[in-house]
Amino acid sequence: MLFKDELRGAGLGSGGSTLHSQGEGGTQRRSYERLKTLLDPGSFVALGQDIQAGKRLQESSIGVDNVAVGWGKINGRIVYVFAHDYSALGGAIGESSSRKILRVLDLAIKNGAPIVGLHESVGIQLEEGISSLVGMAKILHKSAMASGVIPQISIVTGPCAGTAAHHPVMSDFVIMLEGPSAMFLCGPDAVKEASGEKVTSNDLGGASVQSQSGVAHLVARTEEECFQLVRRLFAYLPSNNLDDPPQIATRDDCAPDNSMLDSFAAEPDSQYDMIDVLRSIVDDGELLQIQSTWAKNVVTTFGRLNSRSIGIIASQPKELGGALDTIGCTKAARFIRFCDAFNLPLVIFVDCPGILPAVEEEKGGVARHSSKLLYAFCEATVPKISVITRKAYGEAYLLMCNEHVSDIRLAWPSATISVMGPIGMVKAMFASEISRSENPESRIKDLVREYIERFADPRFAASKGYIDKVVVPRDTRKWLILGLESLSAKRESRPQRKHGAFF
C-alpha cells in the first residue's frame, strides 16, 4: 500500500505503464535491449545482473531488479550506462538498484568515461525506508562529484517524479521524450491537494513544459531520436575533463556559404537571424543548439571550426532585440561553465543593446544574474574570442566582449560600441543644444551620426586597442580559425583557492 500511495502522490496511478512490457524477466530484458540500441552494435557489457533485488521486487511477478547497468561504446568511445524501467514498481529506486547505479558512476569517474542514464522512476521504494533514501542520497552526491569531471547525460523516457527528478537535473544535459516523459518534484495529486489546482502530468512537467523552463536541454519525438541526440552530443564532447574534444573533418563539398555576411555590414538596420550568421561560419553549417526554446534572446550552441569543437554564445537580435535578461544570463553562464570544464573554446557573437529595461527584471534580480554571466566568463580559462556584429552598448560590452572576457576581440564594420545607445548618449550629452534647436529631431539625427562616426565606430575602439581587428564579415571564419590556432596552447592560472564564492 505504501508504494501505491507514493504513485498516487506523484499523480502516476498505481499500475505499470502501458508503454512497457511486463511479466517475469520482462523488465530486465527490455532495459538491457534499450541500452543495446543506444550503444554501438555488439559493444554492450552488462554488470550487476546477479545482484539480489529488493524484497518487493522479489515477491512480485517480475522477480528481477528494475535497473540495468553496464558499459559499451558510442561512436567508438567507452561510455557507462544505466536504465530504469517504469514497468517494474514504477522504476522506484531501492537499495539494490542504487548500488548498481553507484557502481557504474564510480567506474565512469575512475576511467574518465561519460555516463548516460535512461530515467523513468517515481522516486524511492518506500518499503525499504531510509535504506532507499540513503541510496538516492549517495547517487546525488556521486553525481555532484562527477560534475565537471565526466560528461553526464540524462534521457527522460517516461515519468520521473519526486526524488528521482533530482538526478537528471544534476546532469549536464537532459533529453526528454515527447509524449510519455514528464518530470516534476510534486505531482498533479500533490498540487491539487495543496492548492486545489487540477493539472495533468504532461501540463505540469512534460517535455514541452520543461524545455521552456530550461530544465530540458533537448527534446526528441522518439526514443531513437533521443539516442541520436546523445551521439551528436558526444561528437562535440571529450570523454573527460583532461581530454581534448574530438576532431571531425569538414566535408569538402559542404563548406559554409558566407557570401551573405557582408550584407549585414552594408545594411546595418536590416533584420537578421543570428543562427543564419553562425551557420555561415561553422564547419558544414552544422550546429547543435542547447536549450533553444528557453531564453531565446541568447543562443547557446555547439559547432566546429576547422574540425575542432567549440561552444558558441550569441545574442539573438530577433528576440528582445538581443537584450540580456535574467534567464538569458543564467542560460549563457551555465553553458560557459560547462565548456570551460571540458576544454571547449568559446566564441561569442555580440549584437546586444544591454540589459532589458523592465521592472520585473530588476525585481527578479537581473543585476545578480548578469553578474553570473560576467563571473562565468572571467573564471573560464579556455580560449575566448568575441565578435561584435552590431550593437555592444554599456553592459553588453562589459559582460560579453571586454578585454578581460575575451582573449581576442574582433568587430565588423557595422559594429557600434558605446557606453549606452547613441540616441540616449546624444540626448544626455547635448540636452541644452537640442532644446535650443529649431528642429530637435533633425538635430538629434545629425548628432547621433556624428557621435557614431567619431566615438562609437569600431575603428575608434581599435585605435585605442580595445578591439584587436575590424574584419570584413565574410572573413570572420578565417580570423576565428587563426585566432583559435594561436590560442591552442593557452595556459592561464588562477589564484589557489577551493572555489569562487559567487554564483
Protein backbone atom coordinates (compact mmCIF):
# COMPACT_ATOMS: atom_id res chain seq x y z
CA MET A 1 0.00 0.00 0.00
CA LEU A 2 2.82 2.43 0.80
CA PHE A 3 4.17 2.18 -2.72
CA LYS A 4 0.74 2.71 -4.25
CA ASP A 5 0.35 5.82 -2.12
CA GLU A 6 3.58 7.24 -3.48
CA LEU A 7 2.46 6.56 -7.04
CA ARG A 8 -0.81 8.36 -6.41
CA GLY A 9 1.04 11.27 -4.80
CA ALA A 10 3.14 11.60 -7.91
CA GLY A 11 -0.02 11.57 -9.98
CA LEU A 12 1.03 8.50 -11.92
CA GLY A 13 -1.51 5.92 -10.83
CA SER A 14 -0.69 2.60 -9.19
CA GLY A 15 -0.05 0.26 -12.08
CA GLY A 16 2.72 -0.27 -14.61
CA SER A 17 2.99 1.87 -17.71
CA THR A 18 1.13 0.56 -20.72
CA LEU A 19 4.13 1.61 -22.78
CA HIS A 20 6.38 -1.04 -21.30
CA SER A 21 6.30 -4.82 -21.35
CA GLN A 22 5.78 -6.70 -18.10
CA GLY A 23 5.94 -10.28 -16.91
CA GLU A 24 8.71 -12.42 -15.48
CA GLY A 25 12.07 -11.14 -16.66
CA GLY A 26 10.37 -8.63 -18.95
CA THR A 27 11.79 -5.61 -17.18
CA GLN A 28 15.38 -6.73 -17.33
CA ARG A 29 15.10 -7.84 -20.94
CA ARG A 30 13.59 -4.54 -22.00
CA SER A 31 16.07 -2.37 -20.11
CA TYR A 32 19.05 -4.24 -21.50
CA GLU A 33 17.67 -4.19 -25.03
CA ARG A 34 17.23 -0.41 -24.85
CA LEU A 35 20.84 0.03 -23.74
CA LYS A 36 21.98 -2.18 -26.60
CA THR A 37 20.06 0.08 -29.00
CA LEU A 38 21.70 3.19 -27.52
CA LEU A 39 25.24 1.80 -27.81
CA ASP A 40 27.34 0.78 -30.80
CA PRO A 41 26.24 -2.67 -32.08
CA GLY A 42 27.75 -5.55 -30.11
CA SER A 43 29.54 -3.30 -27.61
CA PHE A 44 27.26 -3.60 -24.57
CA VAL A 45 28.63 -5.35 -21.47
CA ALA A 46 26.13 -5.88 -18.65
CA LEU A 47 27.02 -5.53 -14.97
CA GLY A 48 25.27 -6.46 -11.74
CA GLN A 49 22.83 -8.96 -13.20
CA ASP A 50 23.24 -11.22 -10.18
CA ILE A 51 22.69 -8.53 -7.55
CA GLN A 52 19.73 -9.55 -5.41
CA ALA A 53 16.65 -7.39 -5.94
CA GLY A 54 14.74 -5.77 -3.09
CA LYS A 55 12.11 -7.70 -1.20
CA ARG A 56 9.12 -6.21 -3.00
CA LEU A 57 10.60 -6.95 -6.41
CA GLN A 58 11.41 -10.50 -5.34
CA GLU A 59 7.83 -11.00 -4.23
CA SER A 60 6.40 -9.52 -7.44
CA SER A 61 5.70 -11.44 -10.60
CA ILE A 62 8.62 -9.61 -12.18
CA GLY A 63 11.19 -11.06 -9.82
CA VAL A 64 14.20 -9.03 -11.05
CA ASP A 65 15.69 -5.65 -10.28
CA ASN A 66 14.27 -2.62 -12.12
CA VAL A 67 17.52 -1.08 -13.31
CA ALA A 68 20.03 -2.32 -15.87
CA VAL A 69 23.65 -1.13 -15.85
CA GLY A 70 26.82 -1.71 -17.81
CA TRP A 71 29.17 -0.18 -20.32
CA GLY A 72 29.66 -0.08 -24.05
CA LYS A 73 30.71 2.31 -26.79
CA ILE A 74 29.18 5.32 -28.54
CA ASN A 75 30.96 6.50 -31.67
CA GLY A 76 33.70 4.01 -30.72
CA ARG A 77 34.32 5.56 -27.29
CA ILE A 78 33.72 3.89 -23.91
CA VAL A 79 30.62 5.07 -22.03
CA TYR A 80 28.90 3.77 -18.90
CA VAL A 81 25.12 3.40 -18.88
CA PHE A 82 22.10 2.63 -16.73
CA ALA A 83 18.39 2.36 -17.42
CA HIS A 84 15.39 2.45 -15.08
CA ASP A 85 12.18 0.71 -16.09
CA TYR A 86 8.82 2.11 -15.07
CA SER A 87 7.04 -1.21 -15.64
CA ALA A 88 8.68 -2.68 -12.51
CA LEU A 89 7.18 -0.88 -9.49
CA GLY A 90 7.25 2.41 -11.36
CA GLY A 91 11.02 2.23 -11.63
CA ALA A 92 11.24 3.13 -7.93
CA ILE A 93 14.81 3.18 -6.65
CA GLY A 94 15.73 0.84 -3.82
CA GLU A 95 18.91 -0.23 -2.09
CA SER A 96 19.91 -2.77 -4.75
CA SER A 97 19.19 -0.52 -7.74
CA SER A 98 21.04 2.43 -6.18
CA ARG A 99 24.05 0.17 -5.56
CA LYS A 100 24.15 -0.72 -9.25
CA ILE A 101 23.93 2.91 -10.39
CA LEU A 102 26.66 3.91 -7.93
CA ARG A 103 28.83 1.12 -9.32
CA VAL A 104 28.78 2.48 -12.88
CA LEU A 105 29.16 6.07 -11.66
CA ASP A 106 32.30 5.03 -9.79
CA LEU A 107 33.68 3.21 -12.82
CA ALA A 108 32.91 6.16 -15.10
CA ILE A 109 34.77 8.60 -12.84
CA LYS A 110 37.77 6.30 -12.34
CA ASN A 111 38.08 5.56 -16.06
CA GLY A 112 37.33 9.05 -17.32
CA ALA A 113 34.31 7.99 -19.38
CA PRO A 114 30.91 9.68 -19.87
CA ILE A 115 27.78 8.28 -18.29
CA VAL A 116 24.31 8.13 -19.82
CA GLY A 117 21.15 7.32 -17.87
CA LEU A 118 17.66 6.41 -19.07
CA HIS A 119 15.30 7.77 -16.43
CA GLU A 120 11.73 6.71 -15.67
CA SER A 121 11.08 6.44 -11.97
CA VAL A 122 8.53 7.64 -9.42
CA GLY A 123 11.19 8.05 -6.75
CA ILE A 124 12.33 5.72 -3.99
CA GLN A 125 10.88 2.41 -2.77
CA LEU A 126 9.06 3.36 0.41
CA GLU A 127 9.01 -0.21 1.70
CA GLU A 128 12.77 -0.09 2.20
CA GLY A 129 12.52 3.04 4.31
CA ILE A 130 15.67 5.01 4.97
CA SER A 131 17.82 2.49 3.07
CA SER A 132 16.33 3.59 -0.24
CA LEU A 133 16.57 7.25 0.78
CA VAL A 134 20.25 6.83 1.64
CA GLY A 135 20.79 5.09 -1.69
CA MET A 136 19.34 8.06 -3.56
CA ALA A 137 21.42 10.48 -1.47
CA LYS A 138 24.57 8.57 -2.42
CA ILE A 139 23.65 8.74 -6.11
CA LEU A 140 23.11 12.51 -5.99
CA HIS A 141 26.37 13.04 -4.08
CA LYS A 142 28.31 10.92 -6.57
CA SER A 143 26.72 12.80 -9.48
CA ALA A 144 27.81 16.10 -7.91
CA MET A 145 31.37 14.78 -7.54
CA ALA A 146 31.36 13.75 -11.23
CA SER A 147 30.27 17.22 -12.37
CA GLY A 148 32.98 18.84 -14.46
CA VAL A 149 34.96 15.59 -14.48
CA ILE A 150 32.98 13.47 -16.96
CA PRO A 151 30.01 14.40 -19.17
CA GLN A 152 26.70 13.26 -17.68
CA ILE A 153 23.71 12.88 -19.99
CA SER A 154 20.18 12.00 -18.89
CA ILE A 155 17.42 10.76 -21.17
CA VAL A 156 13.97 11.03 -19.62
CA THR A 157 11.83 8.47 -21.43
CA GLY A 158 8.90 8.20 -19.01
CA PRO A 159 7.60 9.60 -15.73
CA CYS A 160 10.36 10.95 -13.50
CA ALA A 161 8.92 12.21 -10.25
CA GLY A 162 9.78 13.25 -6.72
CA THR A 163 13.27 12.42 -5.51
CA ALA A 164 14.08 10.69 -8.80
CA ALA A 165 13.81 14.01 -10.68
CA HIS A 166 16.86 15.44 -8.94
CA HIS A 167 19.29 13.04 -10.61
CA PRO A 168 18.70 14.02 -14.27
CA VAL A 169 18.54 17.72 -13.38
CA MET A 170 22.03 17.47 -11.82
CA SER A 171 23.47 16.07 -15.05
CA ASP A 172 24.99 18.20 -17.80
CA PHE A 173 22.28 17.61 -20.40
CA VAL A 174 18.67 16.46 -20.11
CA ILE A 175 16.99 14.99 -23.20
CA MET A 176 13.24 14.48 -22.88
CA LEU A 177 10.98 12.29 -24.98
CA GLU A 178 7.80 13.96 -26.20
CA GLY A 179 4.63 12.24 -25.04
CA PRO A 180 5.44 9.70 -22.33
CA SER A 181 8.04 11.70 -20.40
CA ALA A 182 7.17 14.03 -17.52
CA MET A 183 9.46 15.34 -14.82
CA PHE A 184 8.41 17.10 -11.61
CA LEU A 185 9.03 17.13 -7.87
CA CYS A 186 5.37 17.43 -6.81
CA GLY A 187 2.86 15.54 -8.94
CA PRO A 188 -0.66 16.52 -10.04
CA ASP A 189 -2.34 14.99 -6.98
CA ALA A 190 0.04 16.77 -4.61
CA VAL A 191 -0.59 20.07 -6.41
CA LYS A 192 -4.34 19.56 -6.25
CA GLU A 193 -4.22 18.75 -2.55
CA ALA A 194 -2.06 21.80 -1.77
CA SER A 195 -3.69 24.41 -3.99
CA GLY A 196 -6.86 22.88 -5.42
CA GLU A 197 -5.46 23.31 -8.93
CA LYS A 198 -6.12 20.47 -11.39
CA VAL A 199 -3.32 19.73 -13.82
CA THR A 200 -2.16 16.74 -15.88
CA SER A 201 1.30 15.22 -15.66
CA ASN A 202 2.10 16.48 -19.14
CA ASP A 203 0.95 20.01 -18.41
CA LEU A 204 2.90 20.01 -15.17
CA GLY A 205 6.22 18.62 -16.33
CA GLY A 206 6.03 17.32 -19.89
CA ALA A 207 8.82 17.75 -22.45
CA SER A 208 7.36 20.97 -23.84
CA VAL A 209 6.97 22.49 -20.38
CA GLN A 210 10.45 21.56 -19.22
CA SER A 211 12.12 22.68 -22.43
CA GLN A 212 10.55 26.12 -21.96
CA SER A 213 11.57 26.18 -18.29
CA GLY A 214 15.20 25.44 -19.13
CA VAL A 215 15.20 22.07 -17.34
CA ALA A 216 15.28 20.06 -20.58
CA HIS A 217 18.15 20.92 -22.92
CA LEU A 218 16.93 18.89 -25.89
CA VAL A 219 13.63 17.29 -26.88
CA ALA A 220 13.04 14.33 -29.23
CA ARG A 221 9.92 12.83 -30.77
CA THR A 222 11.02 9.20 -30.50
CA GLU A 223 13.36 7.17 -28.33
CA GLU A 224 15.57 6.58 -31.36
CA GLU A 225 15.86 10.36 -31.81
CA CYS A 226 16.90 10.62 -28.15
CA PHE A 227 19.71 8.17 -28.82
CA GLN A 228 20.76 10.06 -31.95
CA LEU A 229 20.95 13.29 -29.95
CA VAL A 230 23.28 11.55 -27.49
CA ARG A 231 25.52 10.54 -30.39
CA ARG A 232 25.51 14.10 -31.74
CA LEU A 233 26.42 15.47 -28.32
CA PHE A 234 29.29 13.00 -27.94
CA ALA A 235 30.67 14.09 -31.31
CA TYR A 236 31.41 17.51 -29.74
CA LEU A 237 32.49 16.42 -26.24
CA PRO A 238 35.65 14.90 -24.79
CA SER A 239 35.37 11.80 -22.62
CA ASN A 240 36.56 13.69 -19.54
CA ASN A 241 37.97 17.00 -18.34
CA LEU A 242 41.59 16.01 -19.12
CA ASP A 243 40.96 15.06 -22.75
CA ASP A 244 40.66 17.32 -25.76
CA PRO A 245 37.35 17.34 -27.66
CA PRO A 246 37.22 15.05 -30.71
CA GLN A 247 38.12 16.38 -34.14
CA ILE A 248 35.78 15.65 -37.04
CA ALA A 249 36.94 16.64 -40.51
CA THR A 250 34.89 19.05 -42.59
CA ARG A 251 33.29 17.70 -45.74
CA ASP A 252 34.98 19.47 -48.65
CA ASP A 253 31.75 19.62 -50.62
CA CYS A 254 29.86 21.30 -47.75
CA ALA A 255 31.93 24.40 -46.94
CA PRO A 256 29.74 27.12 -45.40
CA ASP A 257 28.38 29.82 -47.68
CA ASN A 258 29.46 33.11 -46.10
CA SER A 259 28.68 35.35 -49.06
CA MET A 260 25.59 36.74 -47.35
CA LEU A 261 27.51 38.05 -44.33
CA ASP A 262 28.73 41.26 -45.99
CA SER A 263 25.13 42.39 -46.50
CA PHE A 264 24.79 42.82 -42.73
CA ALA A 265 27.55 45.44 -42.73
CA ALA A 266 26.12 47.13 -45.81
CA GLU A 267 22.61 47.28 -44.29
CA PRO A 268 23.12 47.88 -40.55
CA ASP A 269 19.42 48.40 -39.85
CA SER A 270 18.20 45.22 -41.57
CA GLN A 271 16.70 42.39 -39.56
CA TYR A 272 18.56 39.10 -39.38
CA ASP A 273 18.66 35.77 -37.57
CA MET A 274 21.90 35.11 -35.70
CA ILE A 275 21.53 31.39 -36.47
CA ASP A 276 21.96 32.20 -40.17
CA VAL A 277 25.19 34.05 -39.34
CA LEU A 278 26.54 31.15 -37.29
CA ARG A 279 25.69 28.56 -39.95
CA SER A 280 27.62 30.68 -42.47
CA ILE A 281 30.75 30.45 -40.33
CA VAL A 282 30.98 26.98 -38.70
CA ASP A 283 32.12 23.78 -40.42
CA ASP A 284 29.48 22.36 -42.75
CA GLY A 285 26.98 24.88 -41.38
CA GLU A 286 26.22 22.40 -38.57
CA LEU A 287 25.08 23.49 -35.09
CA LEU A 288 23.67 21.66 -32.10
CA GLN A 289 21.61 24.21 -30.19
CA ILE A 290 21.18 23.74 -26.46
CA GLN A 291 18.00 24.97 -24.67
CA SER A 292 16.78 26.54 -27.90
CA THR A 293 13.21 27.13 -26.64
CA TRP A 294 14.28 28.79 -23.38
CA ALA A 295 15.70 32.33 -23.19
CA LYS A 296 15.58 32.68 -26.96
CA ASN A 297 17.37 36.04 -26.82
CA VAL A 298 20.61 34.15 -26.13
CA VAL A 299 21.88 31.36 -28.37
CA THR A 300 23.98 28.58 -26.84
CA THR A 301 25.19 26.01 -29.31
CA PHE A 302 27.99 23.65 -30.21
CA GLY A 303 29.73 23.89 -33.56
CA ARG A 304 33.11 23.30 -35.18
CA LEU A 305 35.81 25.44 -36.71
CA ASN A 306 38.50 23.73 -38.75
CA SER A 307 37.32 20.36 -37.38
CA ARG A 308 37.61 21.43 -33.70
CA SER A 309 34.65 21.56 -31.34
CA ILE A 310 33.69 24.97 -29.95
CA GLY A 311 30.97 26.41 -27.76
CA ILE A 312 29.16 29.47 -29.06
CA ILE A 313 27.28 32.10 -27.06
CA ALA A 314 25.48 34.63 -29.24
CA SER A 315 22.97 37.44 -28.99
CA GLN A 316 19.76 36.78 -30.91
CA PRO A 317 18.50 40.14 -32.23
CA LYS A 318 15.21 38.52 -33.29
CA GLU A 319 14.27 38.15 -29.61
CA LEU A 320 14.08 41.20 -27.32
CA GLY A 321 16.40 42.95 -29.75
CA GLY A 322 19.17 40.76 -28.36
CA ALA A 323 18.93 42.35 -24.91
CA LEU A 324 20.08 40.34 -21.90
CA ASP A 325 17.60 39.32 -19.19
CA THR A 326 17.74 37.16 -16.07
CA ILE A 327 17.16 33.80 -17.74
CA GLY A 328 19.33 34.63 -20.75
CA CYS A 329 22.28 35.41 -18.46
CA THR A 330 21.69 32.23 -16.44
CA LYS A 331 21.49 30.12 -19.60
CA ALA A 332 24.72 31.55 -21.00
CA ALA A 333 26.60 31.31 -17.69
CA ARG A 334 25.83 27.62 -17.26
CA PHE A 335 26.90 26.87 -20.84
CA ILE A 336 30.16 28.77 -20.35
CA ARG A 337 30.97 26.81 -17.21
CA PHE A 338 30.33 23.50 -18.97
CA CYS A 339 32.52 24.42 -21.95
CA ASP A 340 35.29 25.63 -19.66
CA ALA A 341 35.16 22.43 -17.60
CA PHE A 342 35.58 20.28 -20.72
CA ASN A 343 38.12 22.32 -22.68
CA LEU A 344 35.86 23.67 -25.41
CA PRO A 345 36.97 27.09 -26.71
CA LEU A 346 34.31 29.80 -26.58
CA VAL A 347 33.28 32.09 -29.42
CA ILE A 348 30.98 34.99 -28.53
CA PHE A 349 28.87 36.88 -31.07
CA VAL A 350 27.58 40.19 -29.76
CA ASP A 351 24.64 42.24 -31.01
CA CYS A 352 23.21 43.45 -27.74
CA PRO A 353 21.82 46.83 -26.57
CA GLY A 354 22.46 45.90 -22.93
CA ILE A 355 20.19 44.75 -20.13
CA LEU A 356 16.45 44.53 -20.83
CA PRO A 357 14.88 47.58 -19.15
CA ALA A 358 11.87 46.23 -17.24
CA VAL A 359 10.52 46.48 -13.71
CA GLU A 360 10.10 42.71 -13.43
CA GLU A 361 13.70 42.16 -14.49
CA GLU A 362 15.00 44.41 -11.72
CA LYS A 363 12.69 42.78 -9.19
CA GLY A 364 13.87 39.38 -10.41
CA GLY A 365 17.49 40.20 -9.62
CA VAL A 366 18.85 40.91 -13.09
CA ALA A 367 21.91 42.56 -11.52
CA ARG A 368 22.74 39.29 -9.78
CA HIS A 369 22.06 37.12 -12.82
CA SER A 370 24.02 39.34 -15.21
CA SER A 371 26.93 39.26 -12.77
CA LYS A 372 26.80 35.45 -13.02
CA LEU A 373 27.42 35.79 -16.74
CA LEU A 374 30.42 38.07 -16.22
CA TYR A 375 31.75 35.84 -13.45
CA ALA A 376 31.50 32.74 -15.65
CA PHE A 377 33.40 34.45 -18.47
CA CYS A 378 36.10 35.76 -16.12
CA GLU A 379 36.52 32.39 -14.42
CA ALA A 380 36.82 30.48 -17.72
CA THR A 381 40.38 29.73 -18.83
CA VAL A 382 39.65 28.22 -22.24
CA PRO A 383 40.36 30.32 -25.36
CA LYS A 384 37.72 33.03 -25.84
CA ILE A 385 37.15 35.12 -28.95
CA SER A 386 34.41 37.73 -29.30
CA VAL A 387 32.92 39.15 -32.49
CA ILE A 388 30.82 42.33 -32.32
CA THR A 389 28.46 42.26 -35.29
CA ARG A 390 26.41 45.36 -34.45
CA LYS A 391 25.45 46.68 -31.01
CA ALA A 392 27.66 46.46 -27.92
CA TYR A 393 26.24 49.06 -25.57
CA GLY A 394 27.09 49.52 -21.91
CA GLU A 395 26.63 46.26 -20.00
CA ALA A 396 26.74 44.29 -23.26
CA TYR A 397 30.35 45.30 -23.80
CA LEU A 398 31.26 44.73 -20.16
CA LEU A 399 29.58 41.33 -19.91
CA MET A 400 30.41 39.79 -23.27
CA CYS A 401 33.45 41.31 -25.01
CA ASN A 402 35.74 43.41 -22.83
CA GLU A 403 39.48 42.73 -22.72
CA HIS A 404 39.17 40.64 -19.55
CA VAL A 405 36.39 38.47 -21.01
CA SER A 406 37.93 37.80 -24.43
CA ASP A 407 41.46 36.83 -25.45
CA ILE A 408 40.88 38.16 -28.96
CA ARG A 409 38.31 40.85 -29.80
CA LEU A 410 37.01 41.23 -33.36
CA ALA A 411 34.37 43.56 -34.78
CA TRP A 412 32.54 44.00 -38.05
CA PRO A 413 32.49 47.45 -39.72
CA SER A 414 28.78 47.59 -38.81
CA ALA A 415 29.57 47.38 -35.08
CA THR A 416 28.66 50.21 -32.72
CA ILE A 417 30.44 50.30 -29.38
CA SER A 418 29.20 52.81 -26.85
CA VAL A 419 28.60 53.44 -23.15
CA MET A 420 24.90 53.49 -23.98
CA GLY A 421 22.71 53.65 -27.08
CA PRO A 422 23.84 56.53 -29.33
CA ILE A 423 20.45 58.25 -29.18
CA GLY A 424 20.39 58.19 -25.40
CA MET A 425 24.03 59.25 -25.30
CA VAL A 426 23.39 62.26 -27.53
CA LYS A 427 20.30 63.32 -25.59
CA ALA A 428 22.25 63.19 -22.35
CA MET A 429 25.35 64.98 -23.63
CA PHE A 430 23.68 67.65 -25.78
CA ALA A 431 20.39 68.28 -24.00
CA SER A 432 20.77 72.08 -23.99
CA GLU A 433 21.81 72.25 -27.62
CA ILE A 434 18.90 70.05 -28.71
CA SER A 435 16.38 72.12 -26.72
CA ARG A 436 17.58 75.31 -28.43
CA SER A 437 17.38 73.80 -31.92
CA GLU A 438 14.58 74.84 -34.27
CA ASN A 439 14.22 71.21 -35.34
CA PRO A 440 15.18 68.99 -32.37
CA GLU A 441 14.52 65.69 -34.15
CA SER A 442 16.72 66.61 -37.09
CA ARG A 443 19.43 67.85 -34.75
CA ILE A 444 19.36 64.59 -32.81
CA LYS A 445 19.85 62.62 -36.03
CA ASP A 446 22.84 64.78 -37.01
CA LEU A 447 24.40 64.47 -33.58
CA VAL A 448 23.86 60.69 -33.49
CA ARG A 449 25.53 60.27 -36.88
CA GLU A 450 28.46 62.46 -35.81
CA TYR A 451 28.80 60.68 -32.46
CA ILE A 452 28.87 57.23 -34.08
CA GLU A 453 31.43 58.28 -36.67
CA ARG A 454 33.76 59.86 -34.09
CA PHE A 455 33.36 57.73 -30.99
CA ALA A 456 31.23 54.60 -31.50
CA ASP A 457 32.78 53.29 -34.71
CA PRO A 458 34.76 50.06 -34.19
CA ARG A 459 37.81 51.65 -35.82
CA PHE A 460 37.89 54.21 -32.99
CA ALA A 461 37.87 51.34 -30.45
CA ALA A 462 40.60 49.62 -32.49
CA SER A 463 42.72 52.79 -32.41
CA LYS A 464 42.56 52.64 -28.61
CA GLY A 465 43.49 48.95 -28.55
CA TYR A 466 40.09 47.82 -27.26
CA ILE A 467 39.36 45.91 -30.49
CA ASP A 468 42.11 43.77 -32.00
CA LYS A 469 40.85 43.84 -35.56
CA VAL A 470 37.92 45.11 -37.61
CA VAL A 471 37.20 42.27 -40.03
CA VAL A 472 35.17 42.02 -43.19
CA PRO A 473 32.17 39.81 -42.28
CA ARG A 474 32.91 37.19 -44.93
CA ASP A 475 36.39 36.76 -43.41
CA THR A 476 35.06 36.05 -39.90
CA ARG A 477 35.54 32.30 -40.19
CA LYS A 478 39.15 32.74 -41.33
CA TRP A 479 40.01 35.07 -38.44
CA LEU A 480 38.31 32.82 -35.89
CA ILE A 481 40.29 29.81 -37.09
CA LEU A 482 43.54 31.80 -37.00
CA GLY A 483 42.70 33.10 -33.54
CA LEU A 484 41.88 29.68 -32.12
CA GLU A 485 45.09 28.25 -33.59
CA SER A 486 47.09 30.98 -31.88
CA LEU A 487 45.36 30.20 -28.58
CA SER A 488 45.60 26.40 -28.84
CA ALA A 489 48.38 26.21 -26.24
CA LYS A 490 46.82 28.78 -23.91
CA ARG A 491 47.61 28.30 -20.24
CA GLU A 492 46.01 30.60 -17.72
CA SER A 493 46.38 30.09 -13.98
CA ARG A 494 44.13 31.32 -11.20
CA PRO A 495 44.94 32.14 -7.55
CA GLN A 496 44.92 28.97 -5.45
CA ARG A 497 41.52 28.52 -3.82
CA LYS A 498 38.90 25.93 -3.09
CA HIS A 499 36.43 27.65 -5.43
CA GLY A 500 34.96 31.08 -6.00
CA ALA A 501 32.31 32.20 -3.55
CA PHE A 502 30.00 33.93 -6.04
CA PHE A 503 27.42 32.19 -8.21
